[in-house]
Amino acid sequence: MSQRPRERLRVLGPRALSLRELLALVIGSGGSGCSVLVVADRVLETVGGRLRSLSAASPADLEVIPGVGRATAARILAAAELGVRAREEGLPVRPRIRGPEDVHRLMAPRLRDLPHEEFHALLLNTQHRVLRDVTVTRGILDASLIHPREVFRPAILENAASVILVHNHPSGDPSPSVEDRAVTRQMIEAGRSIGIRVLDHIVVGEGRWETALPPSEPHAGSGVAP
């Protein structure tokens, strides 16, 4: 039987292939003086052998690997994103948020392995079901760089009743920083002025979360109906 990944897939199906063989099929061809499996090994070494890390990689991270150019990096990241979206299809339509654990369960798979901070707003209807996930910023969270309109403009367009703020800490420690709490206060005040309540601000870390709500604010867990 041929040992080439393409032929093994035809005979045995994709589940019979190893991770490096599947990746080799996405890459398509090797580089100068090396096989496509060697290029696949280099990609896996770069991401520590983890598909989660591959999903969080940038094109620049992959393009520096010998044998991986811009087109190949784009194919790899597109395939990784297909896997992410396949997982998301298993989520119920418009999941309902009953508390911070639901927020973490929904957002951690997308945020926990990113090498940079991302700030999101979950827009909710009156039953606290998610209408939309809005990516507000990428990079270090800075209250001076995040304008409330980037959160509340889509909330108004979606006729959202409330929002929940979410961002990640690439360090894995979800403890809110002074800047996190400043952003939270800014958004709470802006939401009050237009009648859209900020229910919570969840900071996602490695396997856990914390809230960046000021102590004087009610927690989302007490403000969301079961």
Protein backbone atom coordinates (compact mmCIF):
# COMPACT_ATOMS: atom_id res chain seq x y z
CA MET A 1 0.00 0.00 0.00
CA SER A 2 1.33 3.47 -0.84
CA GLN A 3 2.51 5.44 2.18
CA ARG A 4 1.73 8.81 0.63
CA PRO A 5 -0.85 10.71 2.72
CA ARG A 6 -3.14 11.28 -0.27
CA GLU A 7 -3.34 7.59 -1.08
CA ARG A 8 -3.76 6.61 2.57
CA LEU A 9 -6.66 9.01 2.84
CA ARG A 10 -8.33 7.55 -0.25
CA VAL A 11 -8.02 4.00 1.05
CA LEU A 12 -8.47 4.44 4.80
CA GLY A 13 -10.22 7.77 5.24
CA PRO A 14 -8.97 10.95 6.93
CA ARG A 15 -9.24 9.64 10.50
CA ALA A 16 -6.51 7.08 9.74
CA LEU A 17 -3.99 9.84 9.04
CA SER A 18 -1.65 11.35 11.59
CA LEU A 19 -1.65 15.06 12.32
CA ARG A 20 1.54 15.56 10.27
CA GLU A 21 -0.01 13.70 7.31
CA LEU A 22 -3.17 15.81 7.40
CA LEU A 23 -1.08 18.96 7.59
CA ALA A 24 1.09 17.74 4.72
CA LEU A 25 -2.02 17.43 2.54
CA VAL A 26 -2.95 21.02 3.33
CA ILE A 27 0.60 22.23 2.59
CA GLY A 28 0.56 20.37 -0.72
CA SER A 29 4.25 20.22 -1.67
CA GLY A 30 7.68 20.36 -0.10
CA GLY A 31 10.32 23.04 -0.28
CA SER A 32 13.69 22.99 -1.96
CA GLY A 33 15.46 19.81 -0.97
CA CYS A 34 12.86 18.57 1.52
CA SER A 35 9.61 16.63 1.43
CA VAL A 36 6.19 17.96 2.32
CA LEU A 37 6.24 15.82 5.49
CA VAL A 38 9.41 17.60 6.61
CA VAL A 39 7.70 20.96 6.07
CA ALA A 40 4.70 19.68 8.09
CA ASP A 41 7.08 18.67 10.89
CA ARG A 42 8.57 22.17 10.92
CA VAL A 43 5.12 23.75 11.19
CA LEU A 44 4.14 21.44 14.06
CA GLU A 45 7.41 22.16 15.85
CA THR A 46 6.76 25.89 15.56
CA VAL A 47 3.36 25.57 17.28
CA GLY A 48 4.46 22.97 19.81
CA GLY A 49 2.46 20.23 18.14
CA ARG A 50 -0.85 21.80 19.24
CA LEU A 51 -3.74 22.52 16.90
CA ARG A 52 -5.00 25.16 19.32
CA SER A 53 -1.72 27.04 18.92
CA LEU A 54 -1.89 26.63 15.15
CA SER A 55 -5.33 28.28 15.14
CA ALA A 56 -3.87 31.24 17.06
CA ALA A 57 -0.82 31.68 14.79
CA SER A 58 -0.47 34.66 12.47
CA PRO A 59 0.54 34.48 8.79
CA ALA A 60 3.91 36.00 9.72
CA ASP A 61 4.52 33.21 12.27
CA LEU A 62 4.20 30.59 9.52
CA GLU A 63 5.78 32.41 6.60
CA VAL A 64 9.23 32.36 8.26
CA ILE A 65 9.23 28.54 8.31
CA PRO A 66 11.41 27.12 5.49
CA GLY A 67 9.12 25.68 2.83
CA VAL A 68 6.11 27.79 3.87
CA GLY A 69 5.32 30.84 1.77
CA ARG A 70 2.42 33.26 1.84
CA ALA A 71 0.05 30.99 -0.09
CA THR A 72 0.84 27.94 2.04
CA ALA A 73 0.50 29.91 5.28
CA ALA A 74 -2.91 31.12 4.09
CA ARG A 75 -4.03 27.54 3.33
CA ILE A 76 -2.88 26.30 6.74
CA LEU A 77 -4.68 29.09 8.62
CA ALA A 78 -7.81 28.65 6.53
CA ALA A 79 -7.87 24.94 7.36
CA ALA A 80 -7.35 25.72 11.06
CA GLU A 81 -10.22 28.23 10.99
CA LEU A 82 -12.49 25.63 9.38
CA GLY A 83 -11.81 23.42 12.37
CA VAL A 84 -12.69 26.24 14.77
CA ARG A 85 -15.94 26.96 12.93
CA ALA A 86 -16.84 23.27 12.86
CA ARG A 87 -16.58 23.21 16.66
CA GLU A 88 -18.67 26.35 16.91
CA GLU A 89 -21.46 24.76 14.86
CA GLY A 90 -22.03 22.45 17.81
CA LEU A 91 -23.05 25.40 19.95
CA PRO A 92 -26.78 26.06 20.30
CA VAL A 93 -28.22 28.85 18.19
CA ARG A 94 -28.01 32.09 20.16
CA PRO A 95 -26.65 30.57 23.37
CA ARG A 96 -28.15 31.93 26.56
CA ILE A 97 -25.88 33.57 29.11
CA ARG A 98 -26.85 32.74 32.70
CA GLY A 99 -23.60 33.80 34.31
CA PRO A 100 -19.83 34.18 33.90
CA GLU A 101 -19.28 30.44 33.46
CA ASP A 102 -21.37 30.53 30.28
CA VAL A 103 -19.30 33.44 28.99
CA HIS A 104 -16.07 31.56 29.68
CA ARG A 105 -17.38 28.39 28.06
CA LEU A 106 -18.37 30.31 24.93
CA MET A 107 -15.32 32.54 24.53
CA ALA A 108 -12.36 30.66 26.03
CA PRO A 109 -11.83 28.35 23.01
CA ARG A 110 -11.29 31.40 20.79
CA LEU A 111 -9.31 33.57 23.21
CA ARG A 112 -7.25 31.39 25.52
CA ASP A 113 -4.36 30.61 23.14
CA LEU A 114 -3.98 33.98 21.44
CA PRO A 115 -0.52 35.57 21.81
CA HIS A 116 -2.12 39.02 22.05
CA GLU A 117 -5.07 40.54 23.89
CA GLU A 118 -8.44 40.74 22.15
CA PHE A 119 -11.37 42.74 23.48
CA HIS A 120 -14.85 41.49 22.56
CA ALA A 121 -18.42 42.54 23.27
CA LEU A 122 -21.19 39.97 23.47
CA LEU A 123 -24.46 41.61 22.47
CA LEU A 124 -27.50 40.14 24.26
CA ASN A 125 -31.25 40.34 23.74
CA THR A 126 -33.79 40.74 26.55
CA GLN A 127 -33.61 36.96 27.27
CA HIS A 128 -29.80 37.21 27.55
CA ARG A 129 -29.25 35.23 24.37
CA VAL A 130 -26.22 36.15 22.29
CA LEU A 131 -27.11 38.19 19.23
CA ARG A 132 -23.54 38.75 18.08
CA ASP A 133 -19.89 38.57 19.16
CA VAL A 134 -18.12 41.81 18.21
CA THR A 135 -14.32 42.02 18.10
CA VAL A 136 -13.58 45.55 19.34
CA THR A 137 -9.75 45.70 19.51
CA ARG A 138 -6.63 43.57 19.21
CA GLY A 139 -3.53 44.42 21.23
CA ILE A 140 -2.83 45.76 24.71
CA LEU A 141 -6.03 46.88 26.44
CA ASP A 142 -5.90 50.66 26.87
CA ALA A 143 -8.87 52.75 28.01
CA SER A 144 -7.61 55.69 25.95
CA LEU A 145 -7.73 53.61 22.75
CA ILE A 146 -11.13 51.93 23.23
CA HIS A 147 -14.01 54.22 22.37
CA PRO A 148 -17.48 53.29 23.62
CA ARG A 149 -18.90 53.78 20.13
CA GLU A 150 -17.01 50.67 18.96
CA VAL A 151 -19.03 48.66 21.50
CA PHE A 152 -22.38 50.44 21.48
CA ARG A 153 -22.79 51.26 17.79
CA PRO A 154 -23.21 47.55 16.87
CA ALA A 155 -25.27 47.08 20.05
CA ILE A 156 -27.70 49.76 18.89
CA LEU A 157 -27.82 48.33 15.36
CA GLU A 158 -28.60 44.86 16.73
CA ASN A 159 -31.19 46.30 19.15
CA ALA A 160 -29.27 44.70 22.02
CA ALA A 161 -30.65 45.03 25.52
CA SER A 162 -27.29 44.55 27.24
CA VAL A 163 -23.65 43.67 26.61
CA ILE A 164 -20.97 41.60 28.28
CA LEU A 165 -17.35 42.60 27.75
CA VAL A 166 -14.73 39.88 27.35
CA HIS A 167 -10.99 39.91 26.83
CA ASN A 168 -8.06 37.56 27.39
CA HIS A 169 -4.74 37.71 29.21
CA PRO A 170 -2.09 35.86 27.15
CA SER A 171 -0.10 35.32 30.36
CA GLY A 172 -2.81 32.90 31.51
CA ASP A 173 -3.48 34.91 34.71
CA PRO A 174 -6.99 36.41 34.49
CA SER A 175 -6.53 38.81 37.41
CA PRO A 176 -7.95 42.18 36.26
CA SER A 177 -5.46 45.01 35.89
CA VAL A 178 -6.02 48.65 36.81
CA GLU A 179 -6.50 49.32 33.09
CA ASP A 180 -9.08 46.52 32.82
CA ARG A 181 -11.16 48.10 35.55
CA ALA A 182 -10.79 51.56 34.00
CA VAL A 183 -12.14 50.23 30.68
CA THR A 184 -15.02 48.58 32.55
CA ARG A 185 -15.99 51.80 34.33
CA GLN A 186 -15.80 53.72 31.05
CA MET A 187 -18.12 51.27 29.30
CA ILE A 188 -20.59 51.08 32.21
CA GLU A 189 -20.98 54.87 32.22
CA ALA A 190 -21.38 54.99 28.44
CA GLY A 191 -23.96 52.20 28.54
CA ARG A 192 -25.99 53.97 31.22
CA SER A 193 -26.17 57.12 29.10
CA ILE A 194 -27.81 55.26 26.22
CA GLY A 195 -29.80 52.66 28.16
CA ILE A 196 -27.74 49.54 27.34
CA ARG A 197 -26.50 47.83 30.48
CA VAL A 198 -23.00 46.36 30.78
CA LEU A 199 -23.67 43.13 32.70
CA ASP A 200 -20.06 42.05 33.23
CA HIS A 201 -16.48 42.18 32.00
CA ILE A 202 -14.92 38.71 31.97
CA VAL A 203 -11.15 38.26 31.76
CA VAL A 204 -10.20 34.89 30.25
CA GLY A 205 -7.03 33.14 31.40
CA GLU A 206 -5.70 29.61 31.18
CA GLY A 207 -8.57 27.42 32.35
CA ARG A 208 -10.18 30.09 34.53
CA TRP A 209 -11.73 33.54 34.50
CA GLU A 210 -12.22 36.60 36.70
CA THR A 211 -14.54 39.58 36.52
CA ALA A 212 -13.27 43.13 36.05
CA LEU A 213 -16.48 44.69 37.36
CA PRO A 214 -15.93 47.30 40.09
CA PRO A 215 -16.95 45.95 43.53
CA SER A 216 -19.90 48.34 43.64
CA GLU A 217 -21.44 46.86 40.48
CA PRO A 218 -23.78 43.81 40.57
CA HIS A 219 -22.24 40.67 39.10
CA ALA A 220 -23.62 39.23 35.89
CA GLY A 221 -24.46 36.03 37.74
CA SER A 222 -26.99 37.94 39.84
CA GLY A 223 -28.31 39.99 36.94
CA VAL A 224 -29.01 37.19 34.47
CA ALA A 225 -32.16 35.13 34.84
CA PRO A 226 -31.62 31.35 35.15
